[in-house]
Amino acid sequence: MLMIHTSTQVLFIGNHANKTVQEIPQETLELYATNQLGYARGEILKHIPASLTFNEKSYDYNGDYNIDNLTITLDFFFQQALEMDQHTLMIGDPFELLFQASIYALLKENPNKIKDSIPTNSRTQPITVILLYPATIEFENLRKEISQLIYALKKHKINTILIENHINQASALDNILYYLKEDGVENIEHKIKGVKQILGHTALA
């Protein structure tokens, strides 16, 4: 019988991830401390502000929806909402601004100065990133479109896993969460079809 992997918190970020998590068996999700982060647009005519949603709570978001403001906001937010010394598994679509900003926030990166800054050793929080393949882009264009995000992950030596576009992503995530608990990130791509480690200590990238 599997026990709860209490040393890892899982963060589903953005529309794509929060839709996919609905298809993952509850018994798999119960192995971890899981969280869902989303963004809800406001309605000006109804005087409803935009908000960040974290699990079942909403928090007003008054800034512009851009990478700079989101990164600053999430940097502060994560320090309050997450266990900063636990291994964190971040799951999301790399095309979504909320997901990009979440990564920059946890890596303490300014999205405008990624190539100018030097990684520090102050971050003690181990991070693994799982990229859900965007539905609207061809494989050969993926890295070009998210090159800055990939650069940041590579600079910080973050284990990064891509679920390829022809794979049932919910099923792949279910398997990833199972094998991550059993074997760690190193062996995942050898056990699950259509899952590739593109960055990290065992990747060829």
Protein backbone atom coordinates (compact mmCIF):
# COMPACT_ATOMS: atom_id res chain seq x y z
CA MET A 1 0.00 0.00 0.00
CA LEU A 2 1.35 3.43 -0.98
CA MET A 3 1.82 6.00 1.75
CA ILE A 4 1.32 9.75 1.39
CA HIS A 5 4.44 11.36 -0.03
CA THR A 6 4.48 14.08 2.61
CA SER A 7 7.86 15.46 1.53
CA THR A 8 6.44 16.64 -1.82
CA GLN A 9 3.79 19.26 -2.52
CA VAL A 10 2.17 19.31 -5.96
CA LEU A 11 1.08 22.58 -7.52
CA PHE A 12 -1.30 22.49 -10.51
CA ILE A 13 -1.06 25.91 -12.16
CA GLY A 14 -3.34 27.48 -14.76
CA ASN A 15 -6.32 26.47 -16.85
CA HIS A 16 -4.75 23.51 -18.63
CA ALA A 17 -3.41 21.93 -15.44
CA ASN A 18 -6.56 22.56 -13.42
CA LYS A 19 -8.66 20.95 -16.14
CA THR A 20 -6.34 17.95 -16.39
CA VAL A 21 -6.27 17.32 -12.65
CA GLN A 22 -10.02 16.64 -12.72
CA GLU A 23 -9.27 13.45 -14.68
CA ILE A 24 -6.65 12.07 -12.29
CA PRO A 25 -7.88 9.41 -9.85
CA GLN A 26 -8.43 10.71 -6.35
CA GLU A 27 -6.39 7.90 -4.83
CA THR A 28 -3.35 9.18 -6.74
CA LEU A 29 -3.87 12.79 -5.68
CA GLU A 30 -4.21 11.69 -2.06
CA LEU A 31 -0.59 10.50 -2.11
CA TYR A 32 0.53 14.13 -2.04
CA ALA A 33 -0.27 17.52 -0.62
CA THR A 34 -1.93 18.99 -3.73
CA ASN A 35 -2.75 22.61 -4.53
CA GLN A 36 -4.43 24.35 -7.46
CA LEU A 37 -3.58 27.87 -8.56
CA GLY A 38 -5.72 29.73 -11.10
CA TYR A 39 -6.69 33.15 -12.35
CA ALA A 40 -10.22 34.47 -12.75
CA ARG A 41 -10.88 37.53 -14.89
CA GLY A 42 -12.87 40.32 -13.34
CA GLU A 43 -16.11 41.80 -14.65
CA ILE A 44 -15.94 45.58 -14.78
CA LEU A 45 -19.66 46.11 -15.33
CA LYS A 46 -20.48 43.98 -12.29
CA HIS A 47 -17.68 45.52 -10.22
CA ILE A 48 -16.09 42.10 -9.72
CA PRO A 49 -12.28 42.31 -9.47
CA ALA A 50 -9.91 39.86 -11.06
CA SER A 51 -8.61 37.26 -8.62
CA LEU A 52 -6.08 34.58 -8.03
CA THR A 53 -7.63 31.34 -6.85
CA PHE A 54 -5.73 28.98 -4.59
CA ASN A 55 -7.56 25.76 -3.84
CA GLU A 56 -11.01 26.94 -2.73
CA LYS A 57 -10.07 30.51 -1.81
CA SER A 58 -10.00 33.65 -3.98
CA TYR A 59 -7.70 36.64 -3.55
CA ASP A 60 -8.28 39.97 -5.30
CA TYR A 61 -5.70 40.73 -7.97
CA ASN A 62 -5.58 44.40 -8.93
CA GLY A 63 -2.47 44.41 -11.11
CA ASP A 64 -2.23 44.08 -14.87
CA TYR A 65 -2.18 40.53 -16.16
CA ASN A 66 1.41 40.47 -17.36
CA ILE A 67 4.52 38.49 -16.53
CA ASP A 68 6.13 41.21 -14.41
CA ASN A 69 3.20 41.89 -12.10
CA LEU A 70 2.29 38.24 -11.77
CA THR A 71 5.85 37.27 -10.84
CA ILE A 72 6.06 39.91 -8.11
CA THR A 73 2.65 38.99 -6.72
CA LEU A 74 3.31 35.25 -6.76
CA ASP A 75 6.72 35.63 -5.14
CA PHE A 76 5.02 37.10 -2.09
CA PHE A 77 2.00 34.81 -2.31
CA PHE A 78 4.00 31.57 -2.40
CA GLN A 79 5.98 32.58 0.66
CA GLN A 80 2.67 32.70 2.54
CA ALA A 81 0.89 29.74 0.94
CA LEU A 82 3.53 27.06 0.36
CA GLU A 83 5.95 25.10 2.49
CA MET A 84 9.13 26.65 1.12
CA ASP A 85 11.43 23.89 2.36
CA GLN A 86 9.51 21.02 0.71
CA HIS A 87 10.10 19.46 -2.67
CA THR A 88 7.64 21.15 -5.03
CA LEU A 89 6.27 19.58 -8.18
CA MET A 90 4.99 22.30 -10.53
CA ILE A 91 2.59 21.22 -13.28
CA GLY A 92 1.31 23.48 -16.03
CA ASP A 93 1.18 24.64 -19.64
CA PRO A 94 4.36 26.60 -20.50
CA PHE A 95 2.34 28.95 -22.74
CA GLU A 96 0.23 30.23 -19.86
CA LEU A 97 1.53 33.43 -18.23
CA LEU A 98 0.43 32.29 -14.78
CA PHE A 99 2.58 29.18 -15.04
CA GLN A 100 5.59 31.08 -16.37
CA ALA A 101 5.31 33.67 -13.60
CA SER A 102 4.99 30.93 -10.97
CA ILE A 103 8.28 29.41 -12.08
CA TYR A 104 10.07 32.76 -12.11
CA ALA A 105 8.66 33.54 -8.67
CA LEU A 106 9.87 30.30 -7.08
CA LEU A 107 13.26 30.63 -8.80
CA LYS A 108 13.52 34.26 -7.60
CA GLU A 109 14.07 35.42 -11.17
CA ASN A 110 13.26 38.79 -12.69
CA PRO A 111 11.71 37.79 -16.05
CA ASN A 112 13.37 40.81 -17.69
CA LYS A 113 16.87 40.01 -16.46
CA ILE A 114 17.11 36.23 -16.63
CA LYS A 115 20.28 36.19 -18.73
CA ASP A 116 21.93 38.87 -16.59
CA SER A 117 21.49 37.31 -13.17
CA ILE A 118 23.53 34.56 -11.54
CA PRO A 119 21.82 31.72 -9.66
CA THR A 120 22.40 31.87 -5.93
CA ASN A 121 22.66 29.03 -3.47
CA SER A 122 20.08 30.59 -1.16
CA ARG A 123 17.14 28.56 -2.53
CA THR A 124 16.81 25.34 -0.55
CA GLN A 125 13.50 24.28 -2.09
CA PRO A 126 13.92 21.39 -4.56
CA ILE A 127 11.70 21.88 -7.62
CA THR A 128 10.60 19.55 -10.41
CA VAL A 129 8.63 20.92 -13.36
CA ILE A 130 6.19 18.99 -15.56
CA LEU A 131 5.22 20.70 -18.80
CA LEU A 132 1.81 19.90 -20.26
CA TYR A 133 2.12 20.04 -24.02
CA PRO A 134 0.18 23.01 -25.44
CA ALA A 135 -2.55 21.89 -27.80
CA THR A 136 -1.98 24.65 -30.35
CA ILE A 137 1.69 24.32 -31.28
CA GLU A 138 3.90 21.95 -33.28
CA PHE A 139 6.76 20.19 -31.50
CA GLU A 140 9.54 21.86 -33.50
CA ASN A 141 8.28 25.31 -32.48
CA LEU A 142 7.80 24.58 -28.77
CA ARG A 143 11.27 25.37 -27.47
CA LYS A 144 11.58 28.48 -29.62
CA GLU A 145 8.35 29.88 -28.20
CA ILE A 146 9.28 29.23 -24.57
CA SER A 147 13.05 29.69 -24.92
CA GLN A 148 13.31 32.17 -22.02
CA LEU A 149 11.46 29.84 -19.66
CA ILE A 150 13.65 26.92 -20.73
CA TYR A 151 16.75 29.05 -20.23
CA ALA A 152 15.72 29.85 -16.65
CA LEU A 153 15.01 26.21 -15.84
CA LYS A 154 18.30 25.12 -17.36
CA LYS A 155 20.24 27.84 -15.51
CA HIS A 156 18.86 26.61 -12.19
CA LYS A 157 19.33 22.94 -13.15
CA ILE A 158 15.66 22.14 -12.64
CA ASN A 159 14.51 18.63 -13.52
CA THR A 160 11.96 19.29 -16.26
CA ILE A 161 9.65 16.72 -17.81
CA LEU A 162 7.59 17.17 -20.99
CA ILE A 163 4.42 15.19 -21.65
CA GLU A 164 4.26 14.93 -25.43
CA ASN A 165 1.22 16.12 -27.34
CA HIS A 166 -0.05 12.75 -28.58
CA ILE A 167 -0.31 11.30 -25.08
CA ASN A 168 -3.33 11.24 -22.76
CA GLN A 169 -2.00 13.86 -20.36
CA ALA A 170 -4.15 12.93 -17.38
CA SER A 171 -3.09 9.30 -17.66
CA ALA A 172 0.56 10.33 -18.02
CA LEU A 173 0.32 12.56 -14.94
CA ASP A 174 -1.29 9.75 -12.98
CA ASN A 175 1.67 7.53 -13.85
CA ILE A 176 4.22 10.26 -13.15
CA LEU A 177 2.84 10.86 -9.67
CA TYR A 178 2.92 7.12 -8.98
CA TYR A 179 6.50 6.56 -10.18
CA LEU A 180 7.78 9.77 -8.64
CA LYS A 181 6.72 8.37 -5.29
CA GLU A 182 8.26 4.98 -5.98
CA ASP A 183 11.46 5.70 -7.92
CA GLY A 184 12.13 9.44 -8.10
CA VAL A 185 12.41 11.61 -11.18
CA GLU A 186 15.45 9.86 -12.66
CA ASN A 187 13.60 6.84 -14.04
CA ILE A 188 10.28 8.35 -15.05
CA GLU A 189 10.89 8.77 -18.77
CA HIS A 190 11.99 5.14 -19.05
CA LYS A 191 8.77 3.88 -17.48
CA ILE A 192 6.09 6.03 -19.13
CA LYS A 193 5.50 6.26 -22.86
CA GLY A 194 5.42 9.79 -24.27
CA VAL A 195 7.14 11.37 -21.27
CA LYS A 196 10.56 12.93 -21.82
CA GLN A 197 12.96 14.57 -19.41
CA ILE A 198 14.23 17.59 -21.33
CA LEU A 199 16.28 19.25 -18.56
CA GLY A 200 17.98 18.11 -15.39
CA HIS A 201 20.70 15.80 -14.24
CA THR A 202 19.70 12.84 -16.45
CA ALA A 203 18.53 14.77 -19.53
CA LEU A 204 20.39 14.99 -22.80
CA ALA A 205 19.23 18.56 -23.48
